[in-house]
């Protein structure tokens, strides 16, 4: 109920959720699992597998940063035209 109430009060709630998702995607979905795999499997540093995993992690970091930047741009542009308690958003 709280999420629904907040989404009705903030018409740009999707951009806020996109920002939170972009912030949480890289560390929880990519970085920690990759690092745990490297430690558990004793992947040698600077080996081919280690470099490939680090490149994957870095590429996903760039995607997350781009998604966060896009969400911030969406929030800022929506805030410029947002008028509270009016339905012509």
N, C-alpha and C. Protein backbone atom coordinates (compact mmCIF):
# COMPACT_ATOMS: atom_id res chain seq x y z
N UNK A 1 0.81 -1.18 0.00
CA UNK A 1 0.00 0.00 0.00
C UNK A 1 0.87 1.26 0.00
N UNK A 2 1.95 1.22 0.74
CA UNK A 2 2.82 2.40 0.81
C UNK A 2 3.42 2.71 -0.56
N UNK A 3 3.88 1.69 -1.26
CA UNK A 3 4.47 1.91 -2.58
C UNK A 3 3.44 2.48 -3.54
N UNK A 4 2.22 1.98 -3.49
CA UNK A 4 1.15 2.48 -4.35
C UNK A 4 0.82 3.93 -4.02
N UNK A 5 0.77 4.26 -2.75
CA UNK A 5 0.49 5.64 -2.33
C UNK A 5 1.59 6.58 -2.81
N UNK A 6 2.84 6.17 -2.65
CA UNK A 6 3.96 7.01 -3.10
C UNK A 6 3.92 7.17 -4.61
N UNK A 7 3.60 6.09 -5.34
CA UNK A 7 3.58 6.19 -6.79
C UNK A 7 2.45 7.09 -7.28
N UNK A 8 1.35 7.17 -6.54
CA UNK A 8 0.28 8.08 -6.93
C UNK A 8 0.66 9.53 -6.64
N UNK A 9 1.45 9.78 -5.61
CA UNK A 9 1.86 11.14 -5.28
C UNK A 9 2.99 11.63 -6.17
N UNK A 10 3.79 10.72 -6.68
CA UNK A 10 4.93 11.09 -7.51
C UNK A 10 4.76 10.45 -8.88
N UNK A 11 4.32 11.20 -9.87
CA UNK A 11 4.12 10.63 -11.20
C UNK A 11 5.42 10.14 -11.85
N UNK A 12 6.55 10.56 -11.36
CA UNK A 12 7.84 10.13 -11.91
C UNK A 12 8.45 9.03 -11.07
N UNK A 13 7.61 8.25 -10.41
CA UNK A 13 8.08 7.19 -9.53
C UNK A 13 8.88 6.13 -10.29
N UNK A 14 8.56 5.90 -11.55
CA UNK A 14 9.31 4.91 -12.35
C UNK A 14 10.77 5.30 -12.47
N UNK A 15 11.05 6.59 -12.62
CA UNK A 15 12.44 7.04 -12.70
C UNK A 15 13.16 6.82 -11.38
N UNK A 16 12.46 7.02 -10.28
CA UNK A 16 13.06 6.78 -8.95
C UNK A 16 13.38 5.30 -8.79
N UNK A 17 12.44 4.43 -9.17
CA UNK A 17 12.70 3.00 -9.09
C UNK A 17 13.83 2.58 -10.02
N UNK A 18 13.91 3.21 -11.20
CA UNK A 18 15.01 2.93 -12.12
C UNK A 18 16.35 3.30 -11.51
N UNK A 19 16.39 4.42 -10.81
CA UNK A 19 17.63 4.85 -10.15
C UNK A 19 18.03 3.87 -9.06
N UNK A 20 17.08 3.47 -8.24
CA UNK A 20 17.38 2.49 -7.18
C UNK A 20 17.83 1.16 -7.77
N UNK A 21 17.19 0.75 -8.86
CA UNK A 21 17.59 -0.49 -9.50
C UNK A 21 18.98 -0.41 -10.10
N UNK A 22 19.31 0.72 -10.69
CA UNK A 22 20.64 0.91 -11.28
C UNK A 22 21.71 0.92 -10.20
N UNK A 23 21.40 1.51 -9.06
CA UNK A 23 22.37 1.55 -7.96
C UNK A 23 22.60 0.15 -7.39
N UNK A 24 21.53 -0.64 -7.30
CA UNK A 24 21.65 -1.96 -6.69
C UNK A 24 22.07 -3.07 -7.64
N UNK A 25 21.97 -2.85 -8.95
CA UNK A 25 22.24 -3.93 -9.91
C UNK A 25 23.68 -4.42 -9.86
N UNK A 26 24.63 -3.51 -10.05
CA UNK A 26 26.02 -3.94 -10.20
C UNK A 26 26.58 -4.64 -8.96
N UNK A 27 26.46 -4.06 -7.77
CA UNK A 27 27.10 -4.75 -6.63
C UNK A 27 26.42 -6.08 -6.29
N UNK A 28 25.10 -6.12 -6.35
CA UNK A 28 24.41 -7.32 -5.90
C UNK A 28 24.36 -8.42 -6.96
N UNK A 29 24.30 -8.05 -8.22
CA UNK A 29 24.12 -9.04 -9.28
C UNK A 29 25.43 -9.42 -9.95
N UNK A 30 26.41 -8.53 -9.95
CA UNK A 30 27.64 -8.80 -10.70
C UNK A 30 28.86 -8.85 -9.78
N UNK A 31 29.15 -7.77 -9.08
CA UNK A 31 30.43 -7.65 -8.37
C UNK A 31 30.62 -8.74 -7.30
N UNK A 32 29.66 -8.83 -6.36
CA UNK A 32 29.83 -9.79 -5.27
C UNK A 32 29.85 -11.24 -5.76
N UNK A 33 28.95 -11.66 -6.69
CA UNK A 33 29.05 -13.04 -7.18
C UNK A 33 30.36 -13.33 -7.92
N UNK A 34 30.85 -12.38 -8.71
CA UNK A 34 32.11 -12.59 -9.43
C UNK A 34 33.26 -12.71 -8.44
N UNK A 35 33.30 -11.83 -7.46
CA UNK A 35 34.38 -11.90 -6.47
C UNK A 35 34.31 -13.17 -5.64
N UNK A 36 33.11 -13.62 -5.29
CA UNK A 36 32.97 -14.86 -4.53
C UNK A 36 33.43 -16.05 -5.37
N UNK A 37 33.10 -16.05 -6.66
CA UNK A 37 33.55 -17.12 -7.54
C UNK A 37 35.07 -17.16 -7.62
N UNK A 38 35.67 -15.99 -7.77
CA UNK A 38 37.13 -15.91 -7.87
C UNK A 38 37.78 -16.47 -6.61
N UNK A 39 37.24 -16.13 -5.45
CA UNK A 39 37.82 -16.60 -4.19
C UNK A 39 37.58 -18.10 -4.01
N UNK A 40 36.36 -18.56 -4.28
CA UNK A 40 36.03 -19.98 -4.07
C UNK A 40 36.81 -20.89 -5.00
N UNK A 41 36.98 -20.50 -6.24
CA UNK A 41 37.66 -21.34 -7.22
C UNK A 41 39.16 -21.07 -7.29
N UNK A 42 39.65 -20.16 -6.47
CA UNK A 42 41.07 -19.81 -6.45
C UNK A 42 41.59 -19.47 -7.85
N UNK A 43 40.88 -18.58 -8.51
CA UNK A 43 41.27 -18.15 -9.86
C UNK A 43 42.54 -17.32 -9.74
N UNK A 44 43.60 -17.69 -10.45
CA UNK A 44 44.86 -16.93 -10.33
C UNK A 44 44.73 -15.52 -10.89
N UNK A 45 45.30 -14.59 -10.14
CA UNK A 45 45.26 -13.18 -10.54
C UNK A 45 46.00 -12.99 -11.85
N UNK A 46 45.44 -12.19 -12.72
CA UNK A 46 45.94 -11.86 -14.05
C UNK A 46 45.92 -13.05 -15.01
N UNK A 47 45.21 -14.10 -14.63
CA UNK A 47 45.01 -15.20 -15.58
C UNK A 47 43.89 -14.82 -16.55
N UNK A 48 43.71 -15.64 -17.59
CA UNK A 48 42.70 -15.34 -18.61
C UNK A 48 41.30 -15.27 -18.01
N UNK A 49 40.95 -16.24 -17.17
CA UNK A 49 39.62 -16.26 -16.56
C UNK A 49 39.41 -15.05 -15.65
N UNK A 50 40.44 -14.70 -14.87
CA UNK A 50 40.35 -13.56 -13.96
C UNK A 50 40.14 -12.27 -14.73
N UNK A 51 40.90 -12.08 -15.81
CA UNK A 51 40.78 -10.86 -16.62
C UNK A 51 39.39 -10.79 -17.26
N UNK A 52 38.90 -11.91 -17.78
CA UNK A 52 37.57 -11.92 -18.40
C UNK A 52 36.48 -11.59 -17.38
N UNK A 53 36.58 -12.13 -16.20
CA UNK A 53 35.59 -11.83 -15.16
C UNK A 53 35.65 -10.36 -14.74
N UNK A 54 36.84 -9.81 -14.66
CA UNK A 54 36.97 -8.40 -14.29
C UNK A 54 36.45 -7.49 -15.40
N UNK A 55 36.65 -7.86 -16.65
CA UNK A 55 36.13 -7.08 -17.77
C UNK A 55 34.60 -7.13 -17.77
N UNK A 56 34.03 -8.30 -17.50
CA UNK A 56 32.58 -8.43 -17.38
C UNK A 56 32.04 -7.54 -16.28
N UNK A 57 32.69 -7.56 -15.14
CA UNK A 57 32.27 -6.73 -14.01
C UNK A 57 32.36 -5.24 -14.36
N UNK A 58 33.43 -4.85 -15.01
CA UNK A 58 33.60 -3.45 -15.40
C UNK A 58 32.56 -3.01 -16.43
N UNK A 59 32.27 -3.87 -17.39
CA UNK A 59 31.25 -3.55 -18.40
C UNK A 59 29.88 -3.37 -17.74
N UNK A 60 29.55 -4.24 -16.80
CA UNK A 60 28.27 -4.11 -16.10
C UNK A 60 28.23 -2.86 -15.22
N UNK A 61 29.39 -2.46 -14.69
CA UNK A 61 29.45 -1.21 -13.93
C UNK A 61 29.13 -0.03 -14.83
N UNK A 62 29.67 -0.02 -16.04
CA UNK A 62 29.37 1.07 -16.98
C UNK A 62 27.90 1.10 -17.34
N UNK A 63 27.29 -0.06 -17.52
CA UNK A 63 25.85 -0.12 -17.82
C UNK A 63 25.05 0.44 -16.65
N UNK A 64 25.44 0.09 -15.43
CA UNK A 64 24.73 0.59 -14.24
C UNK A 64 24.88 2.10 -14.10
N UNK A 65 26.07 2.62 -14.36
CA UNK A 65 26.29 4.07 -14.28
C UNK A 65 25.46 4.79 -15.34
N UNK A 66 25.41 4.23 -16.54
CA UNK A 66 24.61 4.84 -17.61
C UNK A 66 23.12 4.82 -17.27
N UNK A 67 22.66 3.71 -16.70
CA UNK A 67 21.25 3.62 -16.31
C UNK A 67 20.93 4.61 -15.18
N UNK A 68 21.83 4.75 -14.24
CA UNK A 68 21.62 5.71 -13.15
C UNK A 68 21.60 7.14 -13.70
N UNK A 69 22.49 7.44 -14.62
CA UNK A 69 22.51 8.78 -15.22
C UNK A 69 21.22 9.05 -15.98
N UNK A 70 20.73 8.07 -16.71
CA UNK A 70 19.46 8.22 -17.43
C UNK A 70 18.30 8.44 -16.49
N UNK A 71 18.30 7.74 -15.38
CA UNK A 71 17.22 7.92 -14.39
C UNK A 71 17.28 9.31 -13.77
N UNK A 72 18.48 9.78 -13.48
CA UNK A 72 18.62 11.12 -12.89
C UNK A 72 18.14 12.18 -13.89
N UNK A 73 18.49 12.01 -15.16
CA UNK A 73 18.02 12.95 -16.19
C UNK A 73 16.49 12.92 -16.26
N UNK A 74 15.90 11.73 -16.19
CA UNK A 74 14.45 11.62 -16.21
C UNK A 74 13.80 12.29 -15.02
N UNK A 75 14.38 12.11 -13.84
CA UNK A 75 13.84 12.74 -12.64
C UNK A 75 13.92 14.26 -12.74
N UNK A 76 15.07 14.76 -13.18
CA UNK A 76 15.25 16.22 -13.29
C UNK A 76 14.29 16.81 -14.31
N UNK A 77 14.14 16.15 -15.45
CA UNK A 77 13.22 16.69 -16.46
C UNK A 77 11.77 16.61 -16.01
N UNK A 78 11.40 15.58 -15.26
CA UNK A 78 10.04 15.48 -14.74
C UNK A 78 9.78 16.51 -13.64
N UNK A 79 10.79 16.78 -12.84
CA UNK A 79 10.62 17.77 -11.77
C UNK A 79 10.42 19.18 -12.32
N UNK A 80 10.96 19.45 -13.52
CA UNK A 80 10.81 20.79 -14.10
C UNK A 80 9.36 21.08 -14.46
N UNK A 81 8.60 20.06 -14.84
CA UNK A 81 7.22 20.30 -15.27
C UNK A 81 6.20 19.76 -14.27
N UNK A 82 6.65 19.22 -13.15
CA UNK A 82 5.75 18.62 -12.17
C UNK A 82 5.02 19.69 -11.37
N UNK A 83 3.72 19.55 -11.29
CA UNK A 83 2.89 20.43 -10.46
C UNK A 83 2.12 19.54 -9.50
N UNK A 84 2.39 19.65 -8.22
CA UNK A 84 1.75 18.74 -7.26
C UNK A 84 0.23 18.89 -7.25
N UNK A 85 -0.44 17.77 -7.07
CA UNK A 85 -1.90 17.70 -6.93
C UNK A 85 -2.65 18.20 -8.16
N UNK A 86 -2.02 18.07 -9.34
CA UNK A 86 -2.71 18.36 -10.59
C UNK A 86 -2.59 17.15 -11.50
N UNK A 87 -3.63 16.86 -12.24
CA UNK A 87 -3.65 15.63 -13.03
C UNK A 87 -3.15 15.85 -14.46
N UNK A 88 -2.79 17.05 -14.87
CA UNK A 88 -2.33 17.28 -16.23
C UNK A 88 -0.82 17.17 -16.35
N UNK A 89 -0.22 16.16 -15.76
CA UNK A 89 1.22 15.95 -15.78
C UNK A 89 1.62 15.47 -17.09
